[in-house]
Amino acid sequence: MKISVIGAGNVGATLAMRIVESGIGDVVLVDVVEGLANGKALDISDAAPIMGHEKSISGTTDYKEIEDSDVVVITAGFPRKPGMSREDLISKNIPIMDTIVKNVKSFCKDAIIIVVTNPLDVISHYIYKSGSFPKEKVIGMAGTLDASRFSNLIAEELSVPRRDVECYVLGSHGDTMVPVVSKSSVNGEPLRNKMNEEAIQRLTERTKKRGAEIVANLKMGSACYSPSAGVLEILRAISNDSGNILCVSTLLEGEYGISGCFLGVPAHIGKAGILEIVQLELEEGESKALKLSAEKTKHSLRSVLQ
């Protein structure tokens, strides 16, 4: 599988390394900064004999190199700084997407597009709309990461293996995300049987603010290891045509009573992209919170699409 990663910053470079070392595919790393993508590609490639893989990676400023890619992952854009919300990045990152969309349409119009750039749900919708791509081919990496963060916090709180925790996080990749407590479990038991409401509320709020917590600690830049792991999970599902259920941002057309925006929901993922959206039975409060999340996303969209 040929995978092009647009943006050779921390997320893009970490992802490129994960892809070749996992054996999922060959990578073309693209960045507008002369030498940046190539330098990182050379460094990653030099580790191949040690890591024991035969996958190739190249770096370039030339979009022609993405020709015939099976998947394009978009990580390019300005990162958050302390005190910024993801929505603060709209005016900075939308113009960058215009160039990327133009080149994807020129060189690999049938590729699946995975979006990492923030604000993720708005950017995903903008790419889908401006590029006239099939809705199943545009996937926002959101809930995959957010669910991992929620799972990790639960496992740490209860001192249980992370593999024993199952949870979903729906909604926007932002402050209005919805950790779905009613569908969260630990070793098959409902989370509420393992943890009191005060602790659950504390962890759901920390999940929502986890990205900002990382940004505040780093001072410069934002999370890269966990987002790249989230993308890798999606790429595995595509590569294996597994149909695995992952939380991703996709266009809703009536599911969960919501239409007209990209939002994080569980979906089966395979080689065609989004195969089918999974509709969970939510509690009333969760359903209301999801609709409020959709309204906030639509409000941000209006300023972009008008």
C-alpha atoms as a PDB file:
ATOM      1  CA  MET A   1       0.000   0.000   0.000  1.00  0.00           C
ATOM      2  CA  LYS A   2       1.309   3.453  -0.898  1.00  0.00           C
ATOM      3  CA  ILE A   3       0.638   6.018   1.809  1.00  0.00           C
ATOM      4  CA  SER A   4       1.396   9.709   1.428  1.00  0.00           C
ATOM      5  CA  VAL A   5       1.738  11.776   4.592  1.00  0.00           C
ATOM      6  CA  ILE A   6       1.295  15.514   4.035  1.00  0.00           C
ATOM      7  CA  GLY A   7       3.175  17.464   6.677  1.00  0.00           C
ATOM      8  CA  ALA A   8       6.542  16.430   8.129  1.00  0.00           C
ATOM      9  CA  GLY A   9       6.077  17.954  11.560  1.00  0.00           C
ATOM     10  CA  ASN A  10       5.980  15.918  14.746  1.00  0.00           C
ATOM     11  CA  VAL A  11       2.752  14.066  13.949  1.00  0.00           C
ATOM     12  CA  GLY A  12       3.587  13.432  10.293  1.00  0.00           C
ATOM     13  CA  ALA A  13       7.137  12.245  10.901  1.00  0.00           C
ATOM     14  CA  THR A  14       6.139  10.041  13.839  1.00  0.00           C
ATOM     15  CA  LEU A  15       3.341   8.538  11.764  1.00  0.00           C
ATOM     16  CA  ALA A  16       5.666   7.923   8.809  1.00  0.00           C
ATOM     17  CA  MET A  17       8.023   6.032  11.106  1.00  0.00           C
ATOM     18  CA  ARG A  18       5.169   3.985  12.589  1.00  0.00           C
ATOM     19  CA  ILE A  19       3.871   3.041   9.135  1.00  0.00           C
ATOM     20  CA  VAL A  20       7.120   1.670   7.723  1.00  0.00           C
ATOM     21  CA  GLU A  21       8.107  -0.044  10.967  1.00  0.00           C
ATOM     22  CA  SER A  22       4.693  -1.739  11.177  1.00  0.00           C
ATOM     23  CA  GLY A  23       5.035  -2.980   7.588  1.00  0.00           C
ATOM     24  CA  ILE A  24       1.693  -1.524   6.525  1.00  0.00           C
ATOM     25  CA  GLY A  25       3.031   0.295   3.479  1.00  0.00           C
ATOM     26  CA  ASP A  26       5.581   2.466   1.729  1.00  0.00           C
ATOM     27  CA  VAL A  27       5.553   6.169   2.589  1.00  0.00           C
ATOM     28  CA  VAL A  28       5.959   9.437   0.728  1.00  0.00           C
ATOM     29  CA  LEU A  29       6.445  12.265   3.227  1.00  0.00           C
ATOM     30  CA  VAL A  30       5.622  15.736   1.848  1.00  0.00           C
ATOM     31  CA  ASP A  31       6.349  19.156   3.313  1.00  0.00           C
ATOM     32  CA  VAL A  32       6.622  22.652   1.849  1.00  0.00           C
ATOM     33  CA  VAL A  33       9.793  23.353   3.850  1.00  0.00           C
ATOM     34  CA  GLU A  34      12.755  22.507   1.641  1.00  0.00           C
ATOM     35  CA  GLY A  35      14.691  19.521   2.966  1.00  0.00           C
ATOM     36  CA  LEU A  36      12.505  18.875   6.022  1.00  0.00           C
ATOM     37  CA  ALA A  37      10.611  15.849   4.705  1.00  0.00           C
ATOM     38  CA  ASN A  38      13.670  14.432   2.961  1.00  0.00           C
ATOM     39  CA  GLY A  39      15.859  14.789   6.043  1.00  0.00           C
ATOM     40  CA  LYS A  40      13.336  13.020   8.249  1.00  0.00           C
ATOM     41  CA  ALA A  41      12.769  10.313   5.632  1.00  0.00           C
ATOM     42  CA  LEU A  42      16.512   9.640   5.402  1.00  0.00           C
ATOM     43  CA  ASP A  43      16.737   9.375   9.181  1.00  0.00           C
ATOM     44  CA  ILE A  44      13.785   6.974   9.395  1.00  0.00           C
ATOM     45  CA  SER A  45      15.139   4.912   6.489  1.00  0.00           C
ATOM     46  CA  ASP A  46      18.531   4.526   8.171  1.00  0.00           C
ATOM     47  CA  ALA A  47      16.823   2.751  11.066  1.00  0.00           C
ATOM     48  CA  ALA A  48      15.326   0.057   8.792  1.00  0.00           C
ATOM     49  CA  PRO A  49      18.162  -2.504   9.172  1.00  0.00           C
ATOM     50  CA  ILE A  50      17.939  -2.159  12.958  1.00  0.00           C
ATOM     51  CA  MET A  51      14.134  -2.347  13.029  1.00  0.00           C
ATOM     52  CA  GLY A  52      14.080  -5.197  10.522  1.00  0.00           C
ATOM     53  CA  HIS A  53      11.671  -3.965   7.850  1.00  0.00           C
ATOM     54  CA  GLU A  54      11.904  -3.591   4.068  1.00  0.00           C
ATOM     55  CA  LYS A  55       9.434  -0.754   3.520  1.00  0.00           C
ATOM     56  CA  SER A  56      10.570   2.379   1.700  1.00  0.00           C
ATOM     57  CA  ILE A  57      10.189   6.013   2.724  1.00  0.00           C
ATOM     58  CA  SER A  58      11.022   9.133   0.741  1.00  0.00           C
ATOM     59  CA  GLY A  59      10.675  12.831   1.467  1.00  0.00           C
ATOM     60  CA  THR A  60       9.846  15.608  -0.968  1.00  0.00           C
ATOM     61  CA  THR A  61       8.352  19.043  -1.584  1.00  0.00           C
ATOM     62  CA  ASP A  62       6.906  17.848  -4.909  1.00  0.00           C
ATOM     63  CA  TYR A  63       3.254  16.783  -4.774  1.00  0.00           C
ATOM     64  CA  LYS A  64       3.690  14.767  -7.969  1.00  0.00           C
ATOM     65  CA  GLU A  65       5.328  12.106  -5.791  1.00  0.00           C
ATOM     66  CA  ILE A  66       1.950  11.309  -4.192  1.00  0.00           C
ATOM     67  CA  GLU A  67       0.674   9.996  -7.534  1.00  0.00           C
ATOM     68  CA  ASP A  68      -1.335   6.751  -7.246  1.00  0.00           C
ATOM     69  CA  SER A  69      -1.348   6.800  -3.448  1.00  0.00           C
ATOM     70  CA  ASP A  70      -3.872   4.454  -1.849  1.00  0.00           C
ATOM     71  CA  VAL A  71      -4.172   6.653   1.233  1.00  0.00           C
ATOM     72  CA  VAL A  72      -3.305  10.292   1.909  1.00  0.00           C
ATOM     73  CA  VAL A  73      -2.927  11.372   5.529  1.00  0.00           C
ATOM     74  CA  ILE A  74      -3.139  15.122   6.140  1.00  0.00           C
ATOM     75  CA  THR A  75      -1.217  16.333   9.176  1.00  0.00           C
ATOM     76  CA  ALA A  76      -0.073  19.685   7.725  1.00  0.00           C
ATOM     77  CA  GLY A  77      -1.074  22.876   9.468  1.00  0.00           C
ATOM     78  CA  PHE A  78      -0.414  25.120  12.420  1.00  0.00           C
ATOM     79  CA  PRO A  79      -0.408  23.370  15.813  1.00  0.00           C
ATOM     80  CA  ARG A  80      -2.089  24.679  18.934  1.00  0.00           C
ATOM     81  CA  LYS A  81      -0.251  26.862  21.387  1.00  0.00           C
ATOM     82  CA  PRO A  82      -1.063  27.112  25.105  1.00  0.00           C
ATOM     83  CA  GLY A  83      -4.430  28.786  25.641  1.00  0.00           C
ATOM     84  CA  MET A  84      -5.665  28.120  22.091  1.00  0.00           C
ATOM     85  CA  SER A  85      -8.670  25.981  21.236  1.00  0.00           C
ATOM     86  CA  ARG A  86      -8.688  23.773  18.154  1.00  0.00           C
ATOM     87  CA  GLU A  87     -11.272  26.134  16.641  1.00  0.00           C
ATOM     88  CA  ASP A  88      -8.788  29.007  16.859  1.00  0.00           C
ATOM     89  CA  LEU A  89      -6.874  27.322  14.032  1.00  0.00           C
ATOM     90  CA  ILE A  90      -9.643  27.567  11.408  1.00  0.00           C
ATOM     91  CA  SER A  91      -8.429  30.722   9.661  1.00  0.00           C
ATOM     92  CA  LYS A  92      -4.823  29.496   9.655  1.00  0.00           C
ATOM     93  CA  ASN A  93      -5.359  25.943   8.427  1.00  0.00           C
ATOM     94  CA  ILE A  94      -8.192  26.208   5.887  1.00  0.00           C
ATOM     95  CA  PRO A  95      -6.015  27.943   3.224  1.00  0.00           C
ATOM     96  CA  ILE A  96      -3.411  25.170   3.559  1.00  0.00           C
ATOM     97  CA  MET A  97      -6.105  22.616   2.730  1.00  0.00           C
ATOM     98  CA  ASP A  98      -6.880  24.277  -0.613  1.00  0.00           C
ATOM     99  CA  THR A  99      -3.415  23.430  -1.943  1.00  0.00           C
ATOM    100  CA  ILE A 100      -3.573  19.887  -0.599  1.00  0.00           C
ATOM    101  CA  VAL A 101      -7.036  19.199  -2.038  1.00  0.00           C
ATOM    102  CA  LYS A 102      -5.967  20.491  -5.455  1.00  0.00           C
ATOM    103  CA  ASN A 103      -2.981  18.143  -5.548  1.00  0.00           C
ATOM    104  CA  VAL A 104      -4.835  15.112  -4.231  1.00  0.00           C
ATOM    105  CA  LYS A 105      -7.430  15.593  -6.970  1.00  0.00           C
ATOM    106  CA  SER A 106      -4.661  15.911  -9.571  1.00  0.00           C
ATOM    107  CA  PHE A 107      -2.525  12.945  -8.562  1.00  0.00           C
ATOM    108  CA  CYS A 108      -4.576  10.430  -6.547  1.00  0.00           C
ATOM    109  CA  LYS A 109      -8.255  11.362  -6.667  1.00  0.00           C
ATOM    110  CA  ASP A 110      -9.374   7.870  -5.635  1.00  0.00           C
ATOM    111  CA  ALA A 111      -7.263   7.746  -2.475  1.00  0.00           C
ATOM    112  CA  ILE A 112      -8.764   7.465   0.984  1.00  0.00           C
ATOM    113  CA  ILE A 113      -8.065  10.692   2.886  1.00  0.00           C
ATOM    114  CA  ILE A 114      -7.396  10.617   6.628  1.00  0.00           C
ATOM    115  CA  VAL A 115      -7.507  14.018   8.304  1.00  0.00           C
ATOM    116  CA  VAL A 116      -5.510  14.866  11.424  1.00  0.00           C
ATOM    117  CA  THR A 117      -5.268  18.665  11.065  1.00  0.00           C
ATOM    118  CA  ASN A 118      -7.327  20.688  13.557  1.00  0.00           C
ATOM    119  CA  PRO A 119     -10.076  21.709  13.943  1.00  0.00           C
ATOM    120  CA  LEU A 120     -10.549  18.172  12.739  1.00  0.00           C
ATOM    121  CA  ASP A 121     -14.291  17.892  12.094  1.00  0.00           C
ATOM    122  CA  VAL A 122     -14.446  21.241  10.299  1.00  0.00           C
ATOM    123  CA  ILE A 123     -11.334  20.509   8.222  1.00  0.00           C
ATOM    124  CA  SER A 124     -12.670  17.057   7.285  1.00  0.00           C
ATOM    125  CA  HIS A 125     -15.961  18.541   6.107  1.00  0.00           C
ATOM    126  CA  TYR A 126     -14.170  21.287   4.187  1.00  0.00           C
ATOM    127  CA  ILE A 127     -11.956  18.760   2.376  1.00  0.00           C
ATOM    128  CA  TYR A 128     -14.966  16.577   1.538  1.00  0.00           C
ATOM    129  CA  LYS A 129     -16.949  19.546   0.228  1.00  0.00           C
ATOM    130  CA  SER A 130     -14.221  21.471  -1.600  1.00  0.00           C
ATOM    131  CA  GLY A 131     -12.776  18.358  -3.215  1.00  0.00           C
ATOM    132  CA  SER A 132     -16.129  16.697  -4.011  1.00  0.00           C
ATOM    133  CA  PHE A 133     -14.716  13.433  -2.681  1.00  0.00           C
ATOM    134  CA  PRO A 134     -16.989  10.469  -1.871  1.00  0.00           C
ATOM    135  CA  LYS A 135     -18.054  10.762   1.761  1.00  0.00           C
ATOM    136  CA  GLU A 136     -16.789   7.285   2.618  1.00  0.00           C
ATOM    137  CA  LYS A 137     -13.293   8.243   1.428  1.00  0.00           C
ATOM    138  CA  VAL A 138     -12.794  11.124   3.906  1.00  0.00           C
ATOM    139  CA  ILE A 139     -12.066  10.008   7.467  1.00  0.00           C
ATOM    140  CA  GLY A 140     -11.292  12.249  10.410  1.00  0.00           C
ATOM    141  CA  MET A 141      -9.030  10.725  13.043  1.00  0.00           C
ATOM    142  CA  ALA A 142     -10.761  11.919  16.178  1.00  0.00           C
ATOM    143  CA  GLY A 143     -12.581   9.469  18.396  1.00  0.00           C
ATOM    144  CA  THR A 144      -9.907   6.833  17.841  1.00  0.00           C
ATOM    145  CA  LEU A 145      -7.536   9.061  19.801  1.00  0.00           C
ATOM    146  CA  ASP A 146     -10.128  10.397  22.239  1.00  0.00           C
ATOM    147  CA  ALA A 147     -11.338   6.877  23.102  1.00  0.00           C
ATOM    148  CA  SER A 148      -7.738   5.810  23.683  1.00  0.00           C
ATOM    149  CA  ARG A 149      -7.249   8.728  26.057  1.00  0.00           C
ATOM    150  CA  PHE A 150     -10.436   7.886  27.964  1.00  0.00           C
ATOM    151  CA  SER A 151      -9.454   4.197  28.142  1.00  0.00           C
ATOM    152  CA  ASN A 152      -5.990   5.067  29.391  1.00  0.00           C
ATOM    153  CA  LEU A 153      -7.311   7.322  32.150  1.00  0.00           C
ATOM    154  CA  ILE A 154      -9.821   4.679  33.270  1.00  0.00           C
ATOM    155  CA  ALA A 155      -7.153   1.969  33.346  1.00  0.00           C
ATOM    156  CA  GLU A 156      -4.812   4.178  35.370  1.00  0.00           C
ATOM    157  CA  GLU A 157      -7.570   5.138  37.819  1.00  0.00           C
ATOM    158  CA  LEU A 158      -8.597   1.517  38.435  1.00  0.00           C
ATOM    159  CA  SER A 159      -5.111  -0.025  38.101  1.00  0.00           C
ATOM    160  CA  VAL A 160      -6.342  -2.511  35.506  1.00  0.00           C
ATOM    161  CA  PRO A 161      -4.789  -3.608  32.188  1.00  0.00           C
ATOM    162  CA  ARG A 162      -5.610  -1.158  29.387  1.00  0.00           C
ATOM    163  CA  ARG A 163      -6.774  -4.055  27.214  1.00  0.00           C
ATOM    164  CA  ASP A 164      -9.616  -4.691  29.696  1.00  0.00           C
ATOM    165  CA  VAL A 165     -11.158  -1.256  29.096  1.00  0.00           C
ATOM    166  CA  GLU A 166     -13.590  -0.636  26.249  1.00  0.00           C
ATOM    167  CA  CYS A 167     -15.129   2.745  25.579  1.00  0.00           C
ATOM    168  CA  TYR A 168     -16.410   5.108  22.912  1.00  0.00           C
ATOM    169  CA  VAL A 169     -15.998   8.845  22.534  1.00  0.00           C
ATOM    170  CA  LEU A 170     -18.384  10.530  20.093  1.00  0.00           C
ATOM    171  CA  GLY A 171     -18.903  14.086  18.894  1.00  0.00           C
ATOM    172  CA  SER A 172     -16.404  16.720  17.882  1.00  0.00           C
ATOM    173  CA  HIS A 173     -12.681  16.466  18.506  1.00  0.00           C
ATOM    174  CA  GLY A 174     -12.865  19.338  20.951  1.00  0.00           C
ATOM    175  CA  ASP A 175     -14.385  20.513  24.209  1.00  0.00           C
ATOM    176  CA  THR A 176     -17.850  19.218  23.257  1.00  0.00           C
ATOM    177  CA  MET A 177     -16.742  15.613  22.702  1.00  0.00           C
ATOM    178  CA  VAL A 178     -18.977  13.022  24.367  1.00  0.00           C
ATOM    179  CA  PRO A 179     -17.325  10.169  26.295  1.00  0.00           C
ATOM    180  CA  VAL A 180     -20.106   7.569  26.246  1.00  0.00           C
ATOM    181  CA  VAL A 181     -20.166   6.328  29.823  1.00  0.00           C
ATOM    182  CA  SER A 182     -23.203   4.096  29.257  1.00  0.00           C
ATOM    183  CA  LYS A 183     -21.246   2.000  26.736  1.00  0.00           C
ATOM    184  CA  SER A 184     -17.949   1.965  28.637  1.00  0.00           C
ATOM    185  CA  SER A 185     -16.889  -1.239  30.351  1.00  0.00           C
ATOM    186  CA  VAL A 186     -14.035  -2.789  32.305  1.00  0.00           C
ATOM    187  CA  ASN A 187     -13.453  -6.488  31.711  1.00  0.00           C
ATOM    188  CA  GLY A 188     -17.015  -6.722  30.402  1.00  0.00           C
ATOM    189  CA  GLU A 189     -18.600  -4.969  33.385  1.00  0.00           C
ATOM    190  CA  PRO A 190     -20.257  -1.547  33.052  1.00  0.00           C
ATOM    191  CA  LEU A 191     -17.958   1.279  34.105  1.00  0.00           C
ATOM    192  CA  ARG A 192     -20.538   2.515  36.612  1.00  0.00           C
ATOM    193  CA  ASN A 193     -20.154  -0.769  38.505  1.00  0.00           C
ATOM    194  CA  LYS A 194     -16.452  -0.047  38.930  1.00  0.00           C
ATOM    195  CA  MET A 195     -16.322   3.693  39.559  1.00  0.00           C
ATOM    196  CA  ASN A 196     -18.484   6.308  41.257  1.00  0.00           C
ATOM    197  CA  GLU A 197     -20.062   9.213  39.386  1.00  0.00           C
ATOM    198  CA  GLU A 198     -17.648  11.786  40.785  1.00  0.00           C
ATOM    199  CA  ALA A 199     -14.650   9.845  39.468  1.00  0.00           C
ATOM    200  CA  ILE A 200     -16.330   9.226  36.120  1.00  0.00           C
ATOM    201  CA  GLN A 201     -17.110  12.939  35.732  1.00  0.00           C
ATOM    202  CA  ARG A 202     -13.537  13.840  36.625  1.00  0.00           C
ATOM    203  CA  LEU A 203     -12.127  11.460  33.984  1.00  0.00           C
ATOM    204  CA  THR A 204     -14.560  12.532  31.260  1.00  0.00           C
ATOM    205  CA  GLU A 205     -13.577  16.170  31.812  1.00  0.00           C
ATOM    206  CA  ARG A 206      -9.899  15.286  31.777  1.00  0.00           C
ATOM    207  CA  THR A 207     -10.392  13.362  28.531  1.00  0.00           C
ATOM    208  CA  LYS A 208     -11.926  16.465  26.941  1.00  0.00           C
ATOM    209  CA  LYS A 209      -8.997  18.604  28.065  1.00  0.00           C
ATOM    210  CA  ARG A 210      -6.222  16.046  27.564  1.00  0.00           C
ATOM    211  CA  GLY A 211      -4.955  17.639  24.359  1.00  0.00           C
ATOM    212  CA  ALA A 212      -4.785  21.055  26.029  1.00  0.00           C
ATOM    213  CA  GLU A 213      -3.043  19.486  29.031  1.00  0.00           C
ATOM    214  CA  ILE A 214      -0.336  18.131  26.722  1.00  0.00           C
ATOM    215  CA  VAL A 215      -0.005  21.464  24.895  1.00  0.00           C
ATOM    216  CA  ALA A 216       0.354  23.323  28.204  1.00  0.00           C
ATOM    217  CA  ASN A 217       3.133  20.995  29.323  1.00  0.00           C
ATOM    218  CA  LEU A 218       5.017  21.042  26.034  1.00  0.00           C
ATOM    219  CA  LYS A 219       4.817  24.850  25.711  1.00  0.00           C
ATOM    220  CA  MET A 220       5.611  24.480  21.990  1.00  0.00           C
ATOM    221  CA  GLY A 221       3.747  22.022  19.798  1.00  0.00           C
ATOM    222  CA  SER A 222       1.068  19.478  20.622  1.00  0.00           C
ATOM    223  CA  ALA A 223       0.553  15.726  20.956  1.00  0.00           C
ATOM    224  CA  CYS A 224       2.171  13.566  18.285  1.00  0.00           C
ATOM    225  CA  TYR A 225       2.685  10.028  19.582  1.00  0.00           C
ATOM    226  CA  SER A 226      -0.949   9.268  20.417  1.00  0.00           C
ATOM    227  CA  PRO A 227      -2.452  10.908  17.286  1.00  0.00           C
ATOM    228  CA  SER A 228      -0.041   8.975  15.070  1.00  0.00           C
ATOM    229  CA  ALA A 229      -1.028   5.761  16.856  1.00  0.00           C
ATOM    230  CA  GLY A 230      -4.685   6.584  16.205  1.00  0.00           C
ATOM    231  CA  VAL A 231      -4.026   7.008  12.485  1.00  0.00           C
ATOM    232  CA  LEU A 232      -2.062   3.753  12.400  1.00  0.00           C
ATOM    233  CA  GLU A 233      -5.079   1.925  13.828  1.00  0.00           C
ATOM    234  CA  ILE A 234      -7.235   3.274  10.987  1.00  0.00           C
ATOM    235  CA  LEU A 235      -4.583   2.349   8.413  1.00  0.00           C
ATOM    236  CA  ARG A 236      -4.467  -1.215   9.754  1.00  0.00           C
ATOM    237  CA  ALA A 237      -8.224  -1.541   9.305  1.00  0.00           C
ATOM    238  CA  ILE A 238      -7.952  -0.248   5.728  1.00  0.00           C
ATOM    239  CA  SER A 239      -4.956  -2.418   4.862  1.00  0.00           C
ATOM    240  CA  ASN A 240      -6.519  -5.586   6.276  1.00  0.00           C
ATOM    241  CA  ASP A 241     -10.050  -4.716   5.116  1.00  0.00           C
ATOM    242  CA  SER A 242     -10.967  -5.762   8.637  1.00  0.00           C
ATOM    243  CA  GLY A 243     -14.257  -3.953   9.097  1.00  0.00           C
ATOM    244  CA  ASN A 244     -13.131  -3.117  12.633  1.00  0.00           C
ATOM    245  CA  ILE A 245     -15.252  -0.616  14.523  1.00  0.00           C
ATOM    246  CA  LEU A 246     -13.346   2.594  15.250  1.00  0.00           C
ATOM    247  CA  CYS A 247     -14.530   6.024  16.369  1.00  0.00           C
ATOM    248  CA  VAL A 248     -13.917   8.386  13.441  1.00  0.00           C
ATOM    249  CA  SER A 249     -15.253  11.661  12.112  1.00  0.00           C
ATOM    250  CA  THR A 250     -17.509  11.132   9.113  1.00  0.00           C
ATOM    251  CA  LEU A 251     -20.435  12.816   7.385  1.00  0.00           C
ATOM    252  CA  LEU A 252     -23.725  12.216   9.182  1.00  0.00           C
ATOM    253  CA  GLU A 253     -26.913  12.060   7.134  1.00  0.00           C
ATOM    254  CA  GLY A 254     -29.570  11.305   9.711  1.00  0.00           C
ATOM    255  CA  GLU A 255     -27.623   8.960  11.965  1.00  0.00           C
ATOM    256  CA  TYR A 256     -28.083   9.851  15.640  1.00  0.00           C
ATOM    257  CA  GLY A 257     -30.674  12.393  14.479  1.00  0.00           C
ATOM    258  CA  ILE A 258     -27.921  14.587  13.008  1.00  0.00           C
ATOM    259  CA  SER A 259     -27.329  15.689   9.422  1.00  0.00           C
ATOM    260  CA  GLY A 260     -25.024  17.994   7.527  1.00  0.00           C
ATOM    261  CA  CYS A 261     -21.705  17.809   9.340  1.00  0.00           C
ATOM    262  CA  PHE A 262     -18.733  15.597  10.062  1.00  0.00           C
ATOM    263  CA  LEU A 263     -18.793  14.271  13.612  1.00  0.00           C
ATOM    264  CA  GLY A 264     -17.122  11.476  15.540  1.00  0.00           C
ATOM    265  CA  VAL A 265     -19.112   8.227  15.616  1.00  0.00           C
ATOM    266  CA  PRO A 266     -18.274   4.505  15.597  1.00  0.00           C
ATOM    267  CA  ALA A 267     -17.948   3.040  12.104  1.00  0.00           C
ATOM    268  CA  HIS A 268     -16.762  -0.103  10.367  1.00  0.00           C
ATOM    269  CA  ILE A 269     -13.516   0.661   8.496  1.00  0.00           C
ATOM    270  CA  GLY A 270     -12.142  -1.287   5.524  1.00  0.00           C
ATOM    271  CA  LYS A 271     -10.339  -0.925   2.221  1.00  0.00           C
ATOM    272  CA  ALA A 272     -13.172   1.237   0.819  1.00  0.00           C
ATOM    273  CA  GLY A 273     -12.963   3.613   3.785  1.00  0.00           C
ATOM    274  CA  ILE A 274     -16.099   4.078   5.897  1.00  0.00           C
ATOM    275  CA  LEU A 275     -18.117   0.901   5.361  1.00  0.00           C
ATOM    276  CA  GLU A 276     -21.002   1.529   7.757  1.00  0.00           C
ATOM    277  CA  ILE A 277     -21.792   3.826  10.660  1.00  0.00           C
ATOM    278  CA  VAL A 278     -22.670   2.039  13.899  1.00  0.00           C
ATOM    279  CA  GLN A 279     -25.575   3.558  15.818  1.00  0.00           C
ATOM    280  CA  LEU A 280     -25.210   3.041  19.552  1.00  0.00           C
ATOM    281  CA  GLU A 281     -28.229   3.284  21.816  1.00  0.00           C
ATOM    282  CA  LEU A 282     -27.362   6.363  23.849  1.00  0.00           C
ATOM    283  CA  GLU A 283     -28.806   7.631  27.086  1.00  0.00           C
ATOM    284  CA  GLU A 284     -30.899  10.795  26.805  1.00  0.00           C
ATOM    285  CA  GLY A 285     -28.160  13.025  28.220  1.00  0.00           C
ATOM    286  CA  GLU A 286     -25.557  11.550  25.872  1.00  0.00           C
ATOM    287  CA  SER A 287     -27.806  12.018  22.854  1.00  0.00           C
ATOM    288  CA  LYS A 288     -28.483  15.629  23.825  1.00  0.00           C
ATOM    289  CA  ALA A 289     -24.763  16.297  24.318  1.00  0.00           C
ATOM    290  CA  LEU A 290     -23.998  14.789  20.902  1.00  0.00           C
ATOM    291  CA  LYS A 291     -26.526  17.065  19.217  1.00  0.00           C
ATOM    292  CA  LEU A 292     -25.067  20.097  20.993  1.00  0.00           C
ATOM    293  CA  SER A 293     -21.636  19.039  19.748  1.00  0.00           C
ATOM    294  CA  ALA A 294     -23.027  18.868  16.217  1.00  0.00           C
ATOM    295  CA  GLU A 295     -24.520  22.354  16.511  1.00  0.00           C
ATOM    296  CA  LYS A 296     -21.198  23.820  17.588  1.00  0.00           C
ATOM    297  CA  THR A 297     -19.460  22.113  14.665  1.00  0.00           C
ATOM    298  CA  LYS A 298     -22.086  23.437  12.243  1.00  0.00           C
ATOM    299  CA  HIS A 299     -21.631  26.936  13.633  1.00  0.00           C
ATOM    300  CA  SER A 300     -17.897  26.753  12.900  1.00  0.00           C
ATOM    301  CA  LEU A 301     -18.620  25.307   9.456  1.00  0.00           C
ATOM    302  CA  ARG A 302     -20.836  28.205   8.451  1.00  0.00           C
ATOM    303  CA  SER A 303     -17.934  30.637   8.650  1.00  0.00           C
ATOM    304  CA  VAL A 304     -15.863  28.363   6.411  1.00  0.00           C
ATOM    305  CA  LEU A 305     -18.388  27.340   3.754  1.00  0.00           C
ATOM    306  CA  GLN A 306     -20.237  30.643   3.239  1.00  0.00           C
END
